[in-house]
N, C-alpha and C. Protein backbone atom coordinates (compact mmCIF):
# COMPACT_ATOMS: atom_id res chain seq x y z
N MET A 1 53.82 58.70 -112.23
CA MET A 1 53.02 58.04 -111.68
C MET A 1 51.63 57.09 -112.03
N LEU A 2 51.53 56.12 -111.67
CA LEU A 2 50.78 54.98 -111.92
C LEU A 2 49.42 55.48 -111.13
N THR A 3 48.06 55.64 -111.66
CA THR A 3 46.50 55.92 -111.49
C THR A 3 45.98 54.92 -112.05
N MET A 4 44.72 54.67 -111.04
CA MET A 4 43.41 53.81 -112.01
C MET A 4 43.44 53.48 -113.33
N GLU A 5 43.32 54.64 -113.99
CA GLU A 5 43.51 54.95 -115.46
C GLU A 5 44.53 53.41 -116.24
N HIS A 6 46.04 53.39 -115.52
CA HIS A 6 46.49 52.38 -116.36
C HIS A 6 46.77 51.34 -115.28
N ILE A 7 45.76 50.82 -114.63
CA ILE A 7 44.90 49.27 -114.23
C ILE A 7 43.87 49.14 -115.45
N VAL A 8 44.60 47.71 -115.97
CA VAL A 8 43.60 47.10 -116.58
C VAL A 8 42.72 45.86 -116.25
N ARG A 9 41.30 46.49 -116.45
CA ARG A 9 39.76 45.71 -116.20
C ARG A 9 39.76 44.31 -116.41
N GLU A 10 39.13 43.21 -116.27
CA GLU A 10 39.08 42.29 -116.19
C GLU A 10 38.20 42.28 -117.17
N GLY A 11 38.63 41.21 -118.47
CA GLY A 11 38.08 41.29 -120.20
C GLY A 11 39.43 41.26 -120.53
N ASP A 12 40.27 42.46 -119.94
CA ASP A 12 41.10 42.20 -121.45
C ASP A 12 42.05 41.14 -121.60
N PRO A 13 42.79 40.78 -122.38
CA PRO A 13 43.25 39.43 -122.28
C PRO A 13 44.57 39.72 -121.92
N VAL A 14 45.27 40.46 -121.55
CA VAL A 14 47.07 40.28 -120.84
C VAL A 14 46.10 39.37 -119.46
N LEU A 15 45.40 39.98 -119.12
CA LEU A 15 44.96 39.33 -117.53
C LEU A 15 44.66 37.63 -117.74
N ARG A 16 44.73 37.28 -118.90
CA ARG A 16 44.49 35.86 -118.73
C ARG A 16 45.65 35.32 -119.71
N LYS A 17 46.64 35.89 -119.73
CA LYS A 17 47.95 35.30 -120.13
C LYS A 17 48.97 34.71 -119.11
N VAL A 18 49.81 33.98 -119.40
CA VAL A 18 50.61 33.45 -118.70
C VAL A 18 52.07 34.90 -118.85
N ALA A 19 52.34 35.28 -117.93
CA ALA A 19 53.67 35.75 -118.06
C ALA A 19 54.51 35.56 -118.48
N SER A 20 55.59 36.35 -119.01
CA SER A 20 57.16 35.68 -119.39
C SER A 20 57.56 36.40 -118.34
N PRO A 21 58.73 35.00 -118.31
CA PRO A 21 59.84 35.16 -117.35
C PRO A 21 60.63 36.60 -117.46
N VAL A 22 61.44 36.92 -116.63
CA VAL A 22 62.40 38.50 -116.61
C VAL A 22 63.72 38.26 -117.16
N GLU A 23 64.65 38.63 -116.85
CA GLU A 23 65.99 38.00 -117.36
C GLU A 23 66.65 38.75 -116.31
N LEU A 24 67.62 38.18 -115.55
CA LEU A 24 68.13 38.70 -114.26
C LEU A 24 69.55 38.81 -114.28
N PRO A 25 70.33 40.24 -114.26
CA PRO A 25 69.44 41.10 -113.34
C PRO A 25 68.58 41.80 -113.97
N LEU A 26 68.32 42.33 -113.02
CA LEU A 26 66.68 43.41 -113.64
C LEU A 26 67.58 44.42 -114.49
N ASN A 27 67.21 44.70 -115.85
CA ASN A 27 67.35 45.76 -116.48
C ASN A 27 66.99 46.95 -115.83
N ALA A 28 66.60 48.16 -116.75
CA ALA A 28 66.52 49.43 -115.72
C ALA A 28 64.60 49.41 -116.15
N GLU A 29 64.20 49.30 -117.05
CA GLU A 29 62.67 49.00 -117.27
C GLU A 29 61.71 48.38 -116.66
N ASP A 30 62.30 46.72 -115.92
CA ASP A 30 61.95 46.51 -115.37
C ASP A 30 61.96 47.01 -113.72
N THR A 31 63.10 47.54 -113.43
CA THR A 31 63.08 47.85 -112.25
C THR A 31 62.21 48.76 -112.05
N GLN A 32 62.17 49.89 -113.15
CA GLN A 32 61.47 50.76 -112.91
C GLN A 32 59.97 50.86 -113.14
N THR A 33 59.69 49.52 -113.79
CA THR A 33 57.76 48.58 -113.68
C THR A 33 57.59 48.26 -111.72
N LEU A 34 58.97 47.71 -111.47
CA LEU A 34 58.22 47.45 -109.92
C LEU A 34 58.16 48.66 -109.28
N LEU A 35 58.98 49.56 -109.05
CA LEU A 35 59.32 50.56 -108.59
C LEU A 35 57.53 51.15 -108.35
N SER A 36 57.32 51.64 -109.95
CA SER A 36 55.90 52.23 -109.93
C SER A 36 54.69 51.52 -109.13
N MET A 37 54.69 50.12 -109.71
CA MET A 37 53.76 49.29 -108.99
C MET A 37 53.76 49.62 -107.63
N LEU A 38 54.72 49.75 -106.64
CA LEU A 38 55.34 49.84 -105.17
C LEU A 38 54.66 51.06 -104.91
N THR A 39 55.31 52.34 -105.46
CA THR A 39 54.75 53.78 -105.36
C THR A 39 52.87 53.64 -105.64
N PHE A 40 52.62 53.04 -106.34
CA PHE A 40 50.92 52.63 -106.24
C PHE A 40 50.46 52.54 -105.30
N LEU A 41 51.21 51.16 -104.64
CA LEU A 41 50.59 50.74 -103.88
C LEU A 41 50.33 51.54 -102.34
N LYS A 42 51.84 52.10 -101.90
CA LYS A 42 51.93 53.15 -101.06
C LYS A 42 51.28 54.21 -101.05
N ASN A 43 50.78 54.47 -102.35
CA ASN A 43 49.71 55.91 -102.81
C ASN A 43 48.74 55.46 -102.33
N SER A 44 48.12 54.53 -102.86
CA SER A 44 46.59 53.42 -102.62
C SER A 44 46.66 54.02 -101.03
N GLN A 45 47.22 53.82 -100.72
CA GLN A 45 47.36 53.31 -98.75
C GLN A 45 47.02 54.35 -97.90
N ASP A 46 47.38 55.58 -98.84
CA ASP A 46 47.92 57.29 -97.82
C ASP A 46 46.42 57.37 -98.36
N PRO A 47 45.81 57.69 -97.55
CA PRO A 47 43.95 58.80 -97.52
C PRO A 47 44.27 59.55 -98.73
N ASP A 48 45.21 60.70 -98.23
CA ASP A 48 44.82 61.96 -99.04
C ASP A 48 45.60 61.64 -100.51
N ILE A 49 46.46 61.05 -100.52
CA ILE A 49 47.15 60.89 -101.81
C ILE A 49 45.96 60.33 -102.76
N ALA A 50 45.27 59.36 -101.77
CA ALA A 50 44.41 58.09 -102.60
C ALA A 50 43.13 59.19 -103.20
N LYS A 51 42.58 59.88 -102.50
CA LYS A 51 41.68 60.90 -102.65
C LYS A 51 42.07 61.92 -103.78
N GLN A 52 42.74 62.51 -103.66
CA GLN A 52 43.65 63.30 -104.79
C GLN A 52 43.55 62.84 -106.17
N TYR A 53 43.59 61.25 -106.24
CA TYR A 53 44.16 60.97 -107.43
C TYR A 53 43.33 59.63 -107.81
N HIS A 54 42.16 59.65 -107.07
CA HIS A 54 41.34 58.61 -106.90
C HIS A 54 41.46 57.16 -106.68
N LEU A 55 42.57 56.41 -105.81
CA LEU A 55 42.89 55.56 -106.58
C LEU A 55 42.11 54.24 -105.18
N ARG A 56 41.95 53.11 -105.81
CA ARG A 56 41.76 52.52 -104.90
C ARG A 56 42.56 51.67 -103.87
N PRO A 57 42.71 51.22 -102.76
CA PRO A 57 43.81 51.16 -101.74
C PRO A 57 43.98 49.50 -102.73
N GLY A 58 45.05 48.76 -102.20
CA GLY A 58 45.15 47.53 -102.63
C GLY A 58 47.03 47.28 -101.96
N VAL A 59 46.79 46.05 -102.02
CA VAL A 59 47.97 44.93 -101.30
C VAL A 59 49.23 44.57 -102.02
N GLY A 60 48.72 44.38 -103.49
CA GLY A 60 49.48 43.68 -104.48
C GLY A 60 49.07 44.30 -105.88
N LEU A 61 50.09 44.31 -106.34
CA LEU A 61 49.98 44.94 -107.76
C LEU A 61 51.02 43.98 -108.70
N ALA A 62 50.30 42.97 -109.79
CA ALA A 62 51.29 42.75 -110.31
C ALA A 62 51.50 43.22 -112.24
N ALA A 63 52.41 43.31 -112.36
CA ALA A 63 52.39 43.66 -114.01
C ALA A 63 51.67 43.49 -115.33
N PRO A 64 50.79 42.28 -115.64
CA PRO A 64 49.61 41.98 -116.32
C PRO A 64 48.65 42.97 -116.01
N GLN A 65 48.51 43.39 -114.37
CA GLN A 65 46.81 44.28 -114.32
C GLN A 65 47.90 45.91 -115.28
N ILE A 66 49.18 46.23 -115.22
CA ILE A 66 49.19 47.28 -116.06
C ILE A 66 49.60 46.98 -117.45
N GLY A 67 49.02 46.32 -117.99
CA GLY A 67 49.30 45.85 -119.08
C GLY A 67 50.76 45.37 -119.72
N ILE A 68 51.10 44.81 -118.62
CA ILE A 68 52.89 43.91 -119.11
C ILE A 68 52.95 42.63 -118.66
N SER A 69 53.18 42.17 -119.52
CA SER A 69 53.35 40.61 -119.47
C SER A 69 54.45 39.80 -119.34
N LYS A 70 54.51 40.12 -117.70
CA LYS A 70 56.05 40.00 -117.14
C LYS A 70 55.75 39.38 -116.19
N ARG A 71 56.73 38.46 -115.28
CA ARG A 71 56.63 37.87 -114.08
C ARG A 71 57.24 38.80 -113.08
N LEU A 72 56.07 39.80 -112.98
CA LEU A 72 56.74 41.10 -111.66
C LEU A 72 55.73 41.49 -111.20
N PHE A 73 55.73 41.26 -109.63
CA PHE A 73 54.74 41.82 -108.89
C PHE A 73 55.49 42.88 -107.78
N ALA A 74 54.29 43.71 -107.19
CA ALA A 74 54.88 44.65 -106.23
C ALA A 74 53.85 44.34 -104.86
N VAL A 75 53.91 44.07 -103.85
CA VAL A 75 53.49 43.94 -102.52
C VAL A 75 53.66 45.16 -101.39
N HIS A 76 53.06 45.51 -100.45
CA HIS A 76 53.08 46.79 -99.84
C HIS A 76 51.99 46.25 -98.59
N ALA A 77 51.97 45.38 -98.12
CA ALA A 77 51.10 44.75 -96.70
C ALA A 77 51.69 44.47 -95.98
N THR A 78 51.03 44.15 -94.22
CA THR A 78 51.90 44.07 -93.33
C THR A 78 50.93 42.65 -92.84
N ASP A 79 52.04 41.60 -92.29
CA ASP A 79 51.39 40.75 -91.63
C ASP A 79 51.06 40.62 -90.77
N GLU A 80 50.11 39.26 -90.06
CA GLU A 80 49.90 39.27 -88.48
C GLU A 80 50.62 39.79 -87.39
N ASN A 81 51.83 39.74 -87.85
CA ASN A 81 52.87 40.25 -86.70
C ASN A 81 53.40 41.28 -86.91
N GLY A 82 52.84 41.88 -87.51
CA GLY A 82 52.98 43.83 -87.68
C GLY A 82 54.57 43.71 -88.87
N LYS A 83 54.77 42.70 -89.18
CA LYS A 83 55.56 42.75 -90.84
C LYS A 83 55.56 43.31 -91.52
N LEU A 84 56.16 44.24 -92.25
CA LEU A 84 55.71 45.36 -93.06
C LEU A 84 56.35 44.60 -94.63
N HIS A 85 55.97 43.79 -95.23
CA HIS A 85 56.58 43.43 -96.70
C HIS A 85 56.39 44.60 -97.36
N SER A 86 57.58 44.82 -98.03
CA SER A 86 57.26 46.39 -99.12
C SER A 86 58.29 45.89 -100.39
N PHE A 87 58.06 45.19 -101.53
CA PHE A 87 58.71 45.26 -102.25
C PHE A 87 58.31 44.43 -103.68
N GLY A 88 59.38 44.70 -104.32
CA GLY A 88 58.48 44.26 -105.92
C GLY A 88 59.50 42.99 -106.06
N LEU A 89 59.09 42.04 -106.54
CA LEU A 89 59.23 40.67 -107.04
C LEU A 89 59.24 39.67 -108.33
N ALA A 90 60.32 39.70 -109.03
CA ALA A 90 60.78 39.26 -110.16
C ALA A 90 60.38 37.60 -110.37
N ASN A 91 60.29 36.96 -111.19
CA ASN A 91 60.20 35.54 -111.48
C ASN A 91 59.65 34.87 -110.23
N PRO A 92 58.80 35.00 -109.65
CA PRO A 92 58.88 34.87 -107.72
C PRO A 92 57.99 33.32 -108.29
N LYS A 93 58.06 32.04 -107.58
CA LYS A 93 57.38 31.35 -107.38
C LYS A 93 57.29 30.37 -106.41
N VAL A 94 55.95 29.79 -105.89
CA VAL A 94 56.26 28.75 -104.93
C VAL A 94 56.90 27.49 -104.78
N ILE A 95 57.91 27.43 -104.03
CA ILE A 95 58.73 26.66 -103.65
C ILE A 95 58.47 25.21 -103.30
N ARG A 96 57.30 25.68 -102.14
CA ARG A 96 56.55 24.79 -100.93
C ARG A 96 55.58 25.72 -100.65
N HIS A 97 54.53 24.58 -100.10
CA HIS A 97 53.34 24.54 -99.55
C HIS A 97 52.74 23.90 -98.62
N SER A 98 52.02 24.18 -97.93
CA SER A 98 51.31 23.59 -96.60
C SER A 98 50.15 22.32 -97.60
N VAL A 99 49.59 21.25 -96.99
CA VAL A 99 48.40 21.16 -97.64
C VAL A 99 47.11 21.29 -96.92
N GLU A 100 46.99 22.39 -95.51
CA GLU A 100 46.35 23.20 -95.29
C GLU A 100 46.02 24.38 -95.90
N THR A 101 44.67 25.00 -96.14
CA THR A 101 44.10 26.08 -96.84
C THR A 101 43.61 26.97 -95.78
N THR A 102 43.72 28.33 -96.27
CA THR A 102 42.68 29.50 -95.83
C THR A 102 41.90 30.27 -96.57
N GLU A 103 41.43 30.97 -96.18
CA GLU A 103 40.48 31.69 -96.88
C GLU A 103 40.29 33.32 -96.33
N LEU A 104 40.21 34.59 -96.48
CA LEU A 104 39.61 35.48 -96.53
C LEU A 104 38.33 35.26 -96.07
N GLU A 105 37.66 35.19 -94.77
CA GLU A 105 36.59 35.41 -94.54
C GLU A 105 35.55 36.02 -95.51
N THR A 106 36.11 37.85 -95.50
CA THR A 106 35.52 38.14 -96.27
C THR A 106 35.67 38.44 -97.73
N GLY A 107 35.83 37.27 -98.32
CA GLY A 107 36.60 37.44 -99.64
C GLY A 107 37.34 38.32 -100.28
N GLU A 108 37.77 38.04 -101.81
CA GLU A 108 38.63 38.92 -101.79
C GLU A 108 38.19 39.57 -103.01
N GLY A 109 39.47 41.02 -103.23
CA GLY A 109 38.94 42.15 -104.05
C GLY A 109 40.72 42.01 -105.42
N CYS A 110 40.16 43.02 -106.27
CA CYS A 110 41.10 42.92 -106.94
C CYS A 110 40.47 44.25 -107.80
N LEU A 111 42.03 44.95 -107.83
CA LEU A 111 42.11 46.28 -108.48
C LEU A 111 41.66 46.54 -109.89
N SER A 112 41.59 45.06 -110.70
CA SER A 112 41.20 44.73 -112.02
C SER A 112 39.85 44.70 -112.03
N VAL A 113 39.42 44.39 -110.91
CA VAL A 113 37.85 44.01 -111.23
C VAL A 113 36.71 45.52 -110.41
N ASP A 114 36.37 45.48 -111.17
CA ASP A 114 35.27 47.03 -110.09
C ASP A 114 33.82 46.59 -109.75
N ARG A 115 33.77 45.58 -110.23
CA ARG A 115 32.57 44.97 -109.08
C ARG A 115 33.26 43.82 -108.08
N GLU A 116 31.99 43.72 -107.01
CA GLU A 116 32.09 42.99 -105.80
C GLU A 116 31.55 41.61 -106.55
N ILE A 117 32.48 40.51 -105.94
CA ILE A 117 32.49 39.00 -105.97
C ILE A 117 32.29 37.96 -105.26
N GLU A 118 31.11 37.65 -104.37
CA GLU A 118 31.01 37.33 -103.12
C GLU A 118 31.89 35.87 -103.41
N GLY A 119 31.78 35.27 -102.48
CA GLY A 119 32.47 33.77 -102.26
C GLY A 119 33.88 33.80 -102.27
N ARG A 120 34.11 31.91 -101.22
CA ARG A 120 35.06 32.10 -101.00
C ARG A 120 36.56 32.04 -101.64
N VAL A 121 37.61 32.21 -101.46
CA VAL A 121 39.26 31.72 -102.49
C VAL A 121 39.61 31.37 -101.43
N PRO A 122 39.79 29.62 -101.85
CA PRO A 122 40.91 28.56 -100.89
C PRO A 122 42.34 28.85 -101.75
N ARG A 123 42.96 29.24 -100.43
CA ARG A 123 44.42 29.17 -100.71
C ARG A 123 45.10 28.68 -99.74
N TYR A 124 46.47 28.50 -100.06
CA TYR A 124 47.63 27.54 -99.04
C TYR A 124 47.43 28.18 -97.95
N ALA A 125 47.80 27.98 -96.56
CA ALA A 125 47.97 28.57 -95.65
C ALA A 125 49.30 29.10 -95.19
N ARG A 126 49.99 28.04 -95.60
CA ARG A 126 51.48 28.48 -95.66
C ARG A 126 52.29 27.86 -96.79
N ILE A 127 53.03 29.28 -97.33
CA ILE A 127 53.78 28.74 -98.90
C ILE A 127 55.17 29.33 -98.48
N THR A 128 56.25 29.14 -98.96
CA THR A 128 57.40 29.33 -99.36
C THR A 128 57.64 30.04 -100.81
N VAL A 129 57.98 31.32 -101.20
CA VAL A 129 58.34 31.72 -102.33
C VAL A 129 59.47 32.31 -102.20
N LYS A 130 60.48 32.01 -103.09
CA LYS A 130 61.54 32.56 -103.72
C LYS A 130 61.52 33.34 -104.93
N GLY A 131 62.01 34.54 -105.49
CA GLY A 131 62.12 35.55 -105.95
C GLY A 131 63.53 36.81 -106.33
N THR A 132 63.33 37.45 -106.69
CA THR A 132 64.34 38.59 -106.88
C THR A 132 63.83 39.96 -106.55
N THR A 133 64.60 40.99 -105.94
CA THR A 133 63.58 41.79 -105.19
C THR A 133 63.57 43.12 -106.39
N HIS A 134 63.30 44.06 -106.42
CA HIS A 134 63.70 45.12 -107.16
C HIS A 134 65.25 45.63 -106.98
N GLU A 135 65.46 45.32 -105.88
CA GLU A 135 66.95 45.64 -105.97
C GLU A 135 68.33 44.28 -105.76
N GLY A 136 67.80 43.54 -106.70
CA GLY A 136 68.69 42.66 -107.37
C GLY A 136 68.68 41.13 -106.10
N GLU A 137 68.22 41.48 -105.56
CA GLU A 137 68.69 40.33 -104.19
C GLU A 137 67.95 39.04 -104.10
N GLU A 138 68.37 37.73 -104.47
CA GLU A 138 67.57 36.92 -104.21
C GLU A 138 67.57 36.39 -103.44
N ILE A 139 65.68 36.15 -102.84
CA ILE A 139 65.28 35.84 -101.26
C ILE A 139 64.23 34.86 -101.71
N THR A 140 63.91 34.31 -100.49
CA THR A 140 63.05 33.13 -99.98
C THR A 140 62.59 33.57 -98.65
N LEU A 141 60.87 33.84 -99.19
CA LEU A 141 60.43 34.21 -97.86
C LEU A 141 59.44 33.16 -97.65
N ARG A 142 59.07 32.70 -96.06
CA ARG A 142 57.86 31.98 -95.68
C ARG A 142 57.36 32.50 -94.96
N LEU A 143 55.70 32.77 -95.86
CA LEU A 143 54.83 33.15 -95.27
C LEU A 143 53.70 32.04 -95.07
N ARG A 144 52.67 33.12 -94.20
CA ARG A 144 51.47 32.20 -94.20
C ARG A 144 50.17 33.44 -93.47
N GLY A 145 49.54 32.83 -93.51
CA GLY A 145 48.02 33.62 -93.15
C GLY A 145 47.54 34.61 -94.59
N PHE A 146 47.34 36.37 -93.85
CA PHE A 146 46.96 36.93 -94.28
C PHE A 146 48.65 37.06 -96.07
N ILE A 147 49.58 37.23 -95.48
CA ILE A 147 50.50 37.81 -96.46
C ILE A 147 50.27 36.88 -97.81
N SER A 148 50.36 35.75 -96.91
CA SER A 148 50.48 33.98 -97.92
C SER A 148 49.24 34.16 -98.94
N ILE A 149 47.87 34.92 -98.66
CA ILE A 149 47.33 35.01 -99.32
C ILE A 149 47.43 36.03 -100.74
N VAL A 150 48.06 37.14 -100.33
CA VAL A 150 48.19 38.25 -101.37
C VAL A 150 49.05 37.71 -102.18
N PHE A 151 50.26 37.28 -101.56
CA PHE A 151 51.08 36.69 -102.93
C PHE A 151 50.78 35.20 -103.45
N GLN A 152 50.03 34.85 -102.98
CA GLN A 152 48.68 33.92 -103.70
C GLN A 152 48.23 34.36 -104.99
N HIS A 153 47.64 35.53 -104.54
CA HIS A 153 46.72 36.23 -105.45
C HIS A 153 47.63 36.79 -106.42
N GLU A 154 48.43 37.69 -106.39
CA GLU A 154 49.55 38.25 -107.54
C GLU A 154 49.85 37.31 -108.28
N LEU A 155 50.45 35.63 -107.78
CA LEU A 155 50.94 34.77 -108.15
C LEU A 155 50.15 34.41 -109.17
N ASP A 156 49.06 34.15 -109.00
CA ASP A 156 47.88 33.90 -109.61
C ASP A 156 47.75 34.67 -111.20
N HIS A 157 47.78 36.11 -110.88
CA HIS A 157 48.02 37.05 -111.68
C HIS A 157 49.16 36.95 -113.38
N LEU A 158 50.47 36.24 -112.84
CA LEU A 158 51.44 35.48 -113.28
C LEU A 158 50.51 35.05 -114.35
N ASP A 159 49.68 34.08 -113.41
CA ASP A 159 49.63 32.85 -114.66
C ASP A 159 48.29 32.77 -115.06
N GLY A 160 47.65 33.91 -114.97
CA GLY A 160 46.70 34.48 -116.37
C GLY A 160 45.45 33.92 -115.64
N ILE A 161 45.51 33.96 -114.29
CA ILE A 161 44.31 33.36 -113.11
C ILE A 161 43.44 34.46 -112.20
N MET A 162 42.58 34.81 -112.23
CA MET A 162 41.27 35.52 -111.74
C MET A 162 41.21 34.90 -110.26
N PHE A 163 41.26 35.98 -109.13
CA PHE A 163 40.50 35.33 -108.03
C PHE A 163 39.48 34.63 -108.25
N TYR A 164 38.56 34.71 -108.49
CA TYR A 164 36.97 34.03 -108.77
C TYR A 164 37.13 33.55 -109.73
N ASP A 165 38.67 32.66 -110.26
CA ASP A 165 38.49 31.47 -110.61
C ASP A 165 38.16 30.73 -109.98
N ARG A 166 38.80 30.94 -108.68
CA ARG A 166 39.23 30.05 -107.52
C ARG A 166 37.94 29.31 -106.31
N ILE A 167 36.83 30.66 -106.80
CA ILE A 167 35.55 30.57 -105.67
C ILE A 167 35.32 29.06 -105.98
N GLU A 168 35.16 28.54 -104.69
CA GLU A 168 34.76 26.97 -104.51
C GLU A 168 33.19 27.08 -104.58
N ASP A 169 32.94 26.55 -105.99
CA ASP A 169 31.56 26.28 -106.55
C ASP A 169 31.94 24.76 -107.43
N LEU A 170 31.22 23.89 -106.70
CA LEU A 170 31.79 22.40 -107.02
C LEU A 170 30.68 22.12 -108.47
N THR A 171 29.75 23.19 -108.53
CA THR A 171 28.70 23.01 -110.18
C THR A 171 29.88 23.55 -111.38
N ASP A 172 30.63 23.86 -111.11
CA ASP A 172 31.68 24.77 -112.46
C ASP A 172 32.43 24.01 -112.73
N PRO A 173 32.99 22.98 -113.75
CA PRO A 173 34.18 22.00 -113.39
C PRO A 173 35.04 23.56 -114.58
N HIS A 174 35.28 24.75 -114.73
CA HIS A 174 36.11 24.88 -115.26
C HIS A 174 36.78 25.65 -114.04
N LYS A 175 36.97 25.87 -112.94
CA LYS A 175 37.68 26.49 -111.49
C LYS A 175 38.53 25.53 -111.56
N LYS A 176 39.89 26.92 -111.27
CA LYS A 176 40.74 25.93 -111.18
C LYS A 176 41.70 25.84 -110.01
N PRO A 177 41.97 24.49 -109.61
CA PRO A 177 42.70 23.55 -108.52
C PRO A 177 43.95 24.21 -108.16
N LEU A 178 44.36 24.19 -106.76
CA LEU A 178 45.35 24.75 -106.52
C LEU A 178 46.36 23.86 -106.95
N PRO A 179 47.86 24.35 -107.73
CA PRO A 179 48.53 23.88 -107.98
C PRO A 179 49.96 23.26 -107.27
N GLY A 180 50.79 22.32 -108.00
CA GLY A 180 51.05 22.40 -106.83
C GLY A 180 51.89 21.09 -106.26
N HIS A 181 52.94 20.84 -105.52
CA HIS A 181 53.02 19.66 -104.42
C HIS A 181 52.78 19.98 -103.28
N ALA A 182 51.98 19.25 -102.11
CA ALA A 182 52.28 19.63 -100.74
C ALA A 182 53.72 19.66 -100.02
N LEU A 183 53.74 19.90 -99.45
CA LEU A 183 54.68 19.96 -98.13
C LEU A 183 55.38 18.50 -98.19
């Protein structure tokens, strides 16, 4: 079972590497990695289990955050319509996005960051993501709002980008702009 001891913290070089694509169909090891990350997220949201194992609650977890530089992440979160998005995803990529941006008013946090960092993180308001689930199904998801932000946060981890790299600050020339082409 994954615990907070397995979560790589900021400063570790694996968090700044571009993760490698995985071969499809998924092998047993990559499938197990996705299932372990998904189980961690579910456990972290269960108050009793989280307290017992000292887990910080999370809605997404990328493989680099557990020291594995592969294009894998898990999500366990509900969107604004009450739909639960709960699965592992291999080789996810944004194939379309809106011009419009959004952000969490309270800012973003990260299981790999043990400090609070203030600032708004601009994200695309709507994205279309393609990937392969932990069950081997190729899917295309159209996401908006909170769940779109969760996916973009995890996708950034696969590209070696931390959420605070995107905090709007015109005085820092090293901030990463949003990538890609608009719809």
